[in-house]
Amino acid sequence: MVGHGTLLTILVRRRLLARLPVFAILIAFYFLRSALLLAGHFPAGWIGSYWVLVYLDPGLQLLLILRLGFVAWRFGRARVAVAVALLMITSFMVAWCIGSSSHSFLQNLAVKLSVFVAAMWLLVTPCLVLLLRKAEPSGRRVPLGIALGFAAYSAANVATEVVHKHFALHPQPGLFTGLSFFRAIIYLGCLAAWSILLLSDRSHVAPVDPMLTQSL
């Protein structure tokens, strides 16, 4: 919660909300979700709200991925369109094979969606690196930095789900706890890296391609 609050403060103080609207909305959502989860439990009447929070996460991440795809659109429209279609099919197959199953349909769908989005980040990020290599360094630094952060966390997320599925019949509480801490440490590192990236960003004071100034 402190990490999300710090990143939101940087976005506001550096006047980056207009340039990074989708990213800012996602971080604000994480901040509010963290605050709600600190309450310790959801009252019986809030169970619907709980699932809304669960499904908003992958939904907002997908919106951010689409926004990043829009950034790369002018650097190869046909390639971007074909890549998005292929990446979505590949990610769906990865989620179908890796995501652990559950007796609860809502929980099972949430896990599959989480793995699907994680696979998308892992596949989209290298494509963005290739497509944006011709862009000005000042214009591609923030979009690629954000994408690389999500890709790093997604790699930890997929690895965790693979281990969970492998030990589904013989749970290892110590191993699962360690993986949870590992995922949390990776994500905290991403928050710190994004904060440093935005604090050091100077692209708003230099002439930048207008397609990239509205990057996210």
Protein backbone atom coordinates (compact mmCIF):
# COMPACT_ATOMS: atom_id res chain seq x y z
CA MET A 1 0.00 0.00 0.00
CA VAL A 2 2.87 2.38 0.81
CA GLY A 3 4.53 1.54 -2.51
CA HIS A 4 1.38 2.25 -4.49
CA GLY A 5 0.79 5.47 -2.55
CA THR A 6 4.35 6.62 -3.25
CA LEU A 7 4.03 5.89 -6.97
CA LEU A 8 0.69 7.72 -7.14
CA THR A 9 2.22 10.73 -5.41
CA ILE A 10 5.03 10.79 -7.97
CA LEU A 11 2.52 10.60 -10.83
CA VAL A 12 0.60 13.56 -9.40
CA ARG A 13 3.59 15.70 -8.41
CA ARG A 14 5.34 15.15 -11.74
CA ARG A 15 2.09 15.90 -13.60
CA LEU A 16 2.16 12.58 -15.41
CA LEU A 17 -1.52 11.65 -15.05
CA ALA A 18 -2.39 13.01 -18.50
CA ARG A 19 0.53 11.17 -20.12
CA LEU A 20 0.02 7.89 -18.29
CA PRO A 21 -3.73 7.68 -17.63
CA VAL A 22 -4.17 3.89 -17.85
CA PHE A 23 -1.09 3.19 -15.74
CA ALA A 24 -2.23 5.76 -13.17
CA ILE A 25 -5.72 4.19 -12.99
CA LEU A 26 -4.18 0.75 -12.48
CA ILE A 27 -1.91 1.94 -9.66
CA ALA A 28 -4.83 3.82 -8.04
CA PHE A 29 -6.87 0.61 -8.22
CA TYR A 30 -4.06 -1.34 -6.54
CA PHE A 31 -3.82 1.31 -3.83
CA LEU A 32 -7.56 1.15 -3.08
CA ARG A 33 -7.57 -2.65 -3.20
CA SER A 34 -4.69 -2.79 -0.74
CA ALA A 35 -6.59 -0.49 1.60
CA LEU A 36 -9.70 -2.69 1.41
CA LEU A 37 -7.73 -5.90 1.96
CA LEU A 38 -6.14 -4.38 5.07
CA ALA A 39 -9.63 -4.41 6.57
CA GLY A 40 -9.02 -8.11 7.13
CA HIS A 41 -12.28 -9.50 5.78
CA PHE A 42 -15.20 -8.74 3.51
CA PRO A 43 -18.66 -8.55 5.10
CA ALA A 44 -21.17 -11.06 3.76
CA GLY A 45 -22.87 -8.39 1.67
CA TRP A 46 -19.59 -7.42 0.01
CA ILE A 47 -18.80 -10.78 -1.59
CA GLY A 48 -19.76 -9.42 -5.01
CA SER A 49 -17.35 -6.52 -4.50
CA TYR A 50 -14.59 -9.00 -3.72
CA TRP A 51 -14.96 -10.70 -7.11
CA VAL A 52 -15.17 -7.32 -8.85
CA LEU A 53 -11.76 -6.48 -7.36
CA VAL A 54 -10.39 -9.86 -8.47
CA TYR A 55 -11.51 -9.47 -12.09
CA LEU A 56 -10.69 -5.77 -12.43
CA ASP A 57 -6.98 -6.51 -12.05
CA PRO A 58 -6.51 -8.56 -15.25
CA GLY A 59 -9.01 -6.33 -17.05
CA LEU A 60 -7.04 -3.16 -16.33
CA GLN A 61 -3.75 -4.88 -17.17
CA LEU A 62 -5.16 -5.93 -20.54
CA LEU A 63 -6.24 -2.33 -21.12
CA LEU A 64 -2.67 -1.20 -20.39
CA ILE A 65 -1.32 -3.81 -22.82
CA LEU A 66 -3.67 -2.53 -25.53
CA ARG A 67 -2.53 1.02 -24.82
CA LEU A 68 1.09 -0.04 -25.22
CA GLY A 69 0.13 -1.74 -28.48
CA PHE A 70 -1.33 1.57 -29.64
CA VAL A 71 2.01 3.24 -28.90
CA ALA A 72 3.76 0.77 -31.22
CA TRP A 73 1.02 0.96 -33.86
CA ARG A 74 2.73 3.58 -36.04
CA PHE A 75 5.96 1.57 -36.12
CA GLY A 76 4.35 -1.38 -37.89
CA ARG A 77 0.57 -1.54 -38.07
CA ALA A 78 0.30 -4.87 -39.87
CA ARG A 79 2.91 -6.44 -37.61
CA VAL A 80 1.16 -5.17 -34.48
CA ALA A 81 -2.24 -6.47 -35.60
CA VAL A 82 -0.87 -9.93 -36.44
CA ALA A 83 1.26 -10.03 -33.29
CA VAL A 84 -1.67 -9.17 -30.99
CA ALA A 85 -3.82 -11.94 -32.48
CA LEU A 86 -1.03 -14.53 -32.21
CA LEU A 87 -0.06 -13.46 -28.71
CA MET A 88 -3.63 -13.71 -27.45
CA ILE A 89 -3.99 -17.24 -28.88
CA THR A 90 -0.65 -18.31 -27.39
CA SER A 91 -1.47 -16.76 -24.01
CA PHE A 92 -4.85 -18.51 -23.97
CA MET A 93 -3.13 -21.86 -24.57
CA VAL A 94 -0.58 -21.16 -21.82
CA ALA A 95 -3.35 -20.23 -19.36
CA TRP A 96 -5.33 -23.35 -20.27
CA CYS A 97 -2.34 -25.64 -19.70
CA ILE A 98 -0.67 -23.96 -16.71
CA GLY A 99 -3.41 -22.38 -14.64
CA SER A 100 -4.34 -24.63 -11.74
CA SER A 101 -7.92 -25.83 -11.56
CA SER A 102 -10.32 -25.21 -8.69
CA HIS A 103 -13.69 -26.50 -7.52
CA SER A 104 -14.94 -22.89 -7.64
CA PHE A 105 -15.72 -21.63 -11.14
CA LEU A 106 -15.08 -17.99 -10.18
CA GLN A 107 -11.76 -18.81 -8.56
CA ASN A 108 -10.72 -21.06 -11.43
CA LEU A 109 -11.53 -18.35 -13.97
CA ALA A 110 -9.60 -15.78 -11.91
CA VAL A 111 -6.50 -18.01 -11.90
CA LYS A 112 -6.76 -18.65 -15.64
CA LEU A 113 -7.16 -14.92 -16.34
CA SER A 114 -4.15 -14.13 -14.17
CA VAL A 115 -1.97 -16.61 -16.07
CA PHE A 116 -3.36 -15.36 -19.41
CA VAL A 117 -2.40 -11.76 -18.63
CA ALA A 118 1.01 -12.85 -17.29
CA ALA A 119 1.70 -14.74 -20.52
CA MET A 120 0.61 -11.69 -22.52
CA TRP A 121 3.12 -9.49 -20.69
CA LEU A 122 5.92 -12.00 -21.29
CA LEU A 123 5.12 -12.14 -25.01
CA VAL A 124 4.24 -8.48 -25.59
CA THR A 125 7.32 -6.96 -23.94
CA PRO A 126 9.93 -8.39 -26.39
CA CYS A 127 7.69 -7.28 -29.28
CA LEU A 128 7.57 -3.75 -27.87
CA VAL A 129 11.35 -3.69 -27.55
CA LEU A 130 11.66 -4.58 -31.24
CA LEU A 131 8.95 -2.22 -32.47
CA LEU A 132 10.08 0.80 -30.43
CA ARG A 133 13.78 0.46 -31.21
CA LYS A 134 13.43 3.21 -33.85
CA ALA A 135 11.69 5.61 -31.48
CA GLU A 136 13.50 8.39 -29.64
CA PRO A 137 15.11 7.08 -26.40
CA SER A 138 13.31 9.73 -24.35
CA GLY A 139 9.95 8.60 -25.72
CA ARG A 140 10.36 4.84 -25.35
CA ARG A 141 12.03 4.77 -21.93
CA VAL A 142 8.88 4.98 -19.79
CA PRO A 143 6.67 2.62 -21.84
CA LEU A 144 9.38 -0.03 -21.99
CA GLY A 145 10.23 0.42 -18.30
CA ILE A 146 6.61 -0.17 -17.30
CA ALA A 147 6.30 -3.18 -19.63
CA LEU A 148 9.55 -4.72 -18.35
CA GLY A 149 8.35 -4.37 -14.76
CA PHE A 150 5.10 -6.17 -15.47
CA ALA A 151 6.99 -8.82 -17.44
CA ALA A 152 9.30 -9.50 -14.49
CA TYR A 153 6.37 -9.86 -12.11
CA SER A 154 4.49 -12.01 -14.64
CA ALA A 155 7.45 -14.39 -14.90
CA ALA A 156 7.33 -14.87 -11.12
CA ASN A 157 3.56 -15.32 -11.30
CA VAL A 158 3.74 -18.01 -14.01
CA ALA A 159 6.56 -19.83 -12.17
CA THR A 160 4.44 -19.84 -9.01
CA GLU A 161 1.41 -21.28 -10.81
CA VAL A 162 3.57 -23.99 -12.42
CA VAL A 163 4.85 -25.06 -9.00
CA HIS A 164 1.34 -24.94 -7.52
CA LYS A 165 0.04 -27.21 -10.27
CA HIS A 166 3.00 -29.60 -9.94
CA PHE A 167 2.43 -30.01 -6.19
CA ALA A 168 -1.37 -29.83 -6.30
CA LEU A 169 -1.81 -33.38 -5.00
CA HIS A 170 0.96 -33.05 -2.41
CA PRO A 171 0.93 -29.44 -1.13
CA GLN A 172 4.15 -28.04 0.33
CA PRO A 173 3.13 -25.18 2.69
CA GLY A 174 6.71 -23.99 3.17
CA LEU A 175 7.37 -23.89 -0.56
CA PHE A 176 4.11 -22.07 -1.30
CA THR A 177 4.82 -19.50 1.41
CA GLY A 178 8.30 -18.93 0.01
CA LEU A 179 6.91 -18.42 -3.49
CA SER A 180 4.38 -15.92 -2.15
CA PHE A 181 7.18 -13.90 -0.54
CA PHE A 182 9.22 -14.20 -3.75
CA ARG A 183 6.35 -12.77 -5.81
CA ALA A 184 5.85 -9.95 -3.31
CA ILE A 185 9.55 -9.04 -3.34
CA ILE A 186 9.60 -8.97 -7.15
CA TYR A 187 6.56 -6.69 -7.24
CA LEU A 188 7.97 -4.35 -4.58
CA GLY A 189 11.12 -4.14 -6.70
CA CYS A 190 8.95 -3.18 -9.70
CA LEU A 191 7.26 -0.41 -7.68
CA ALA A 192 10.65 0.94 -6.63
CA ALA A 193 12.00 0.78 -10.20
CA TRP A 194 8.92 2.54 -11.61
CA SER A 195 9.22 5.27 -8.99
CA ILE A 196 12.87 5.87 -9.88
CA LEU A 197 12.06 5.76 -13.59
CA LEU A 198 9.33 8.40 -13.32
CA LEU A 199 11.39 10.61 -11.01
CA SER A 200 14.26 10.61 -13.50
CA ASP A 201 12.08 11.02 -16.61
CA ARG A 202 12.81 14.22 -18.54
CA SER A 203 10.86 13.46 -21.71
CA HIS A 204 8.17 16.04 -20.88
CA VAL A 205 10.71 18.87 -21.16
CA ALA A 206 12.21 17.76 -24.47
CA PRO A 207 10.61 17.58 -27.95
CA VAL A 208 9.12 14.12 -28.26
CA ASP A 209 7.09 12.40 -30.95
CA PRO A 210 3.43 13.27 -30.21
CA MET A 211 2.41 9.63 -30.60
CA LEU A 212 4.70 8.75 -27.71
CA THR A 213 3.88 11.63 -25.40
CA GLN A 214 0.47 10.02 -24.93
CA SER A 215 2.14 6.67 -24.43
CA LEU A 216 0.01 5.06 -21.75
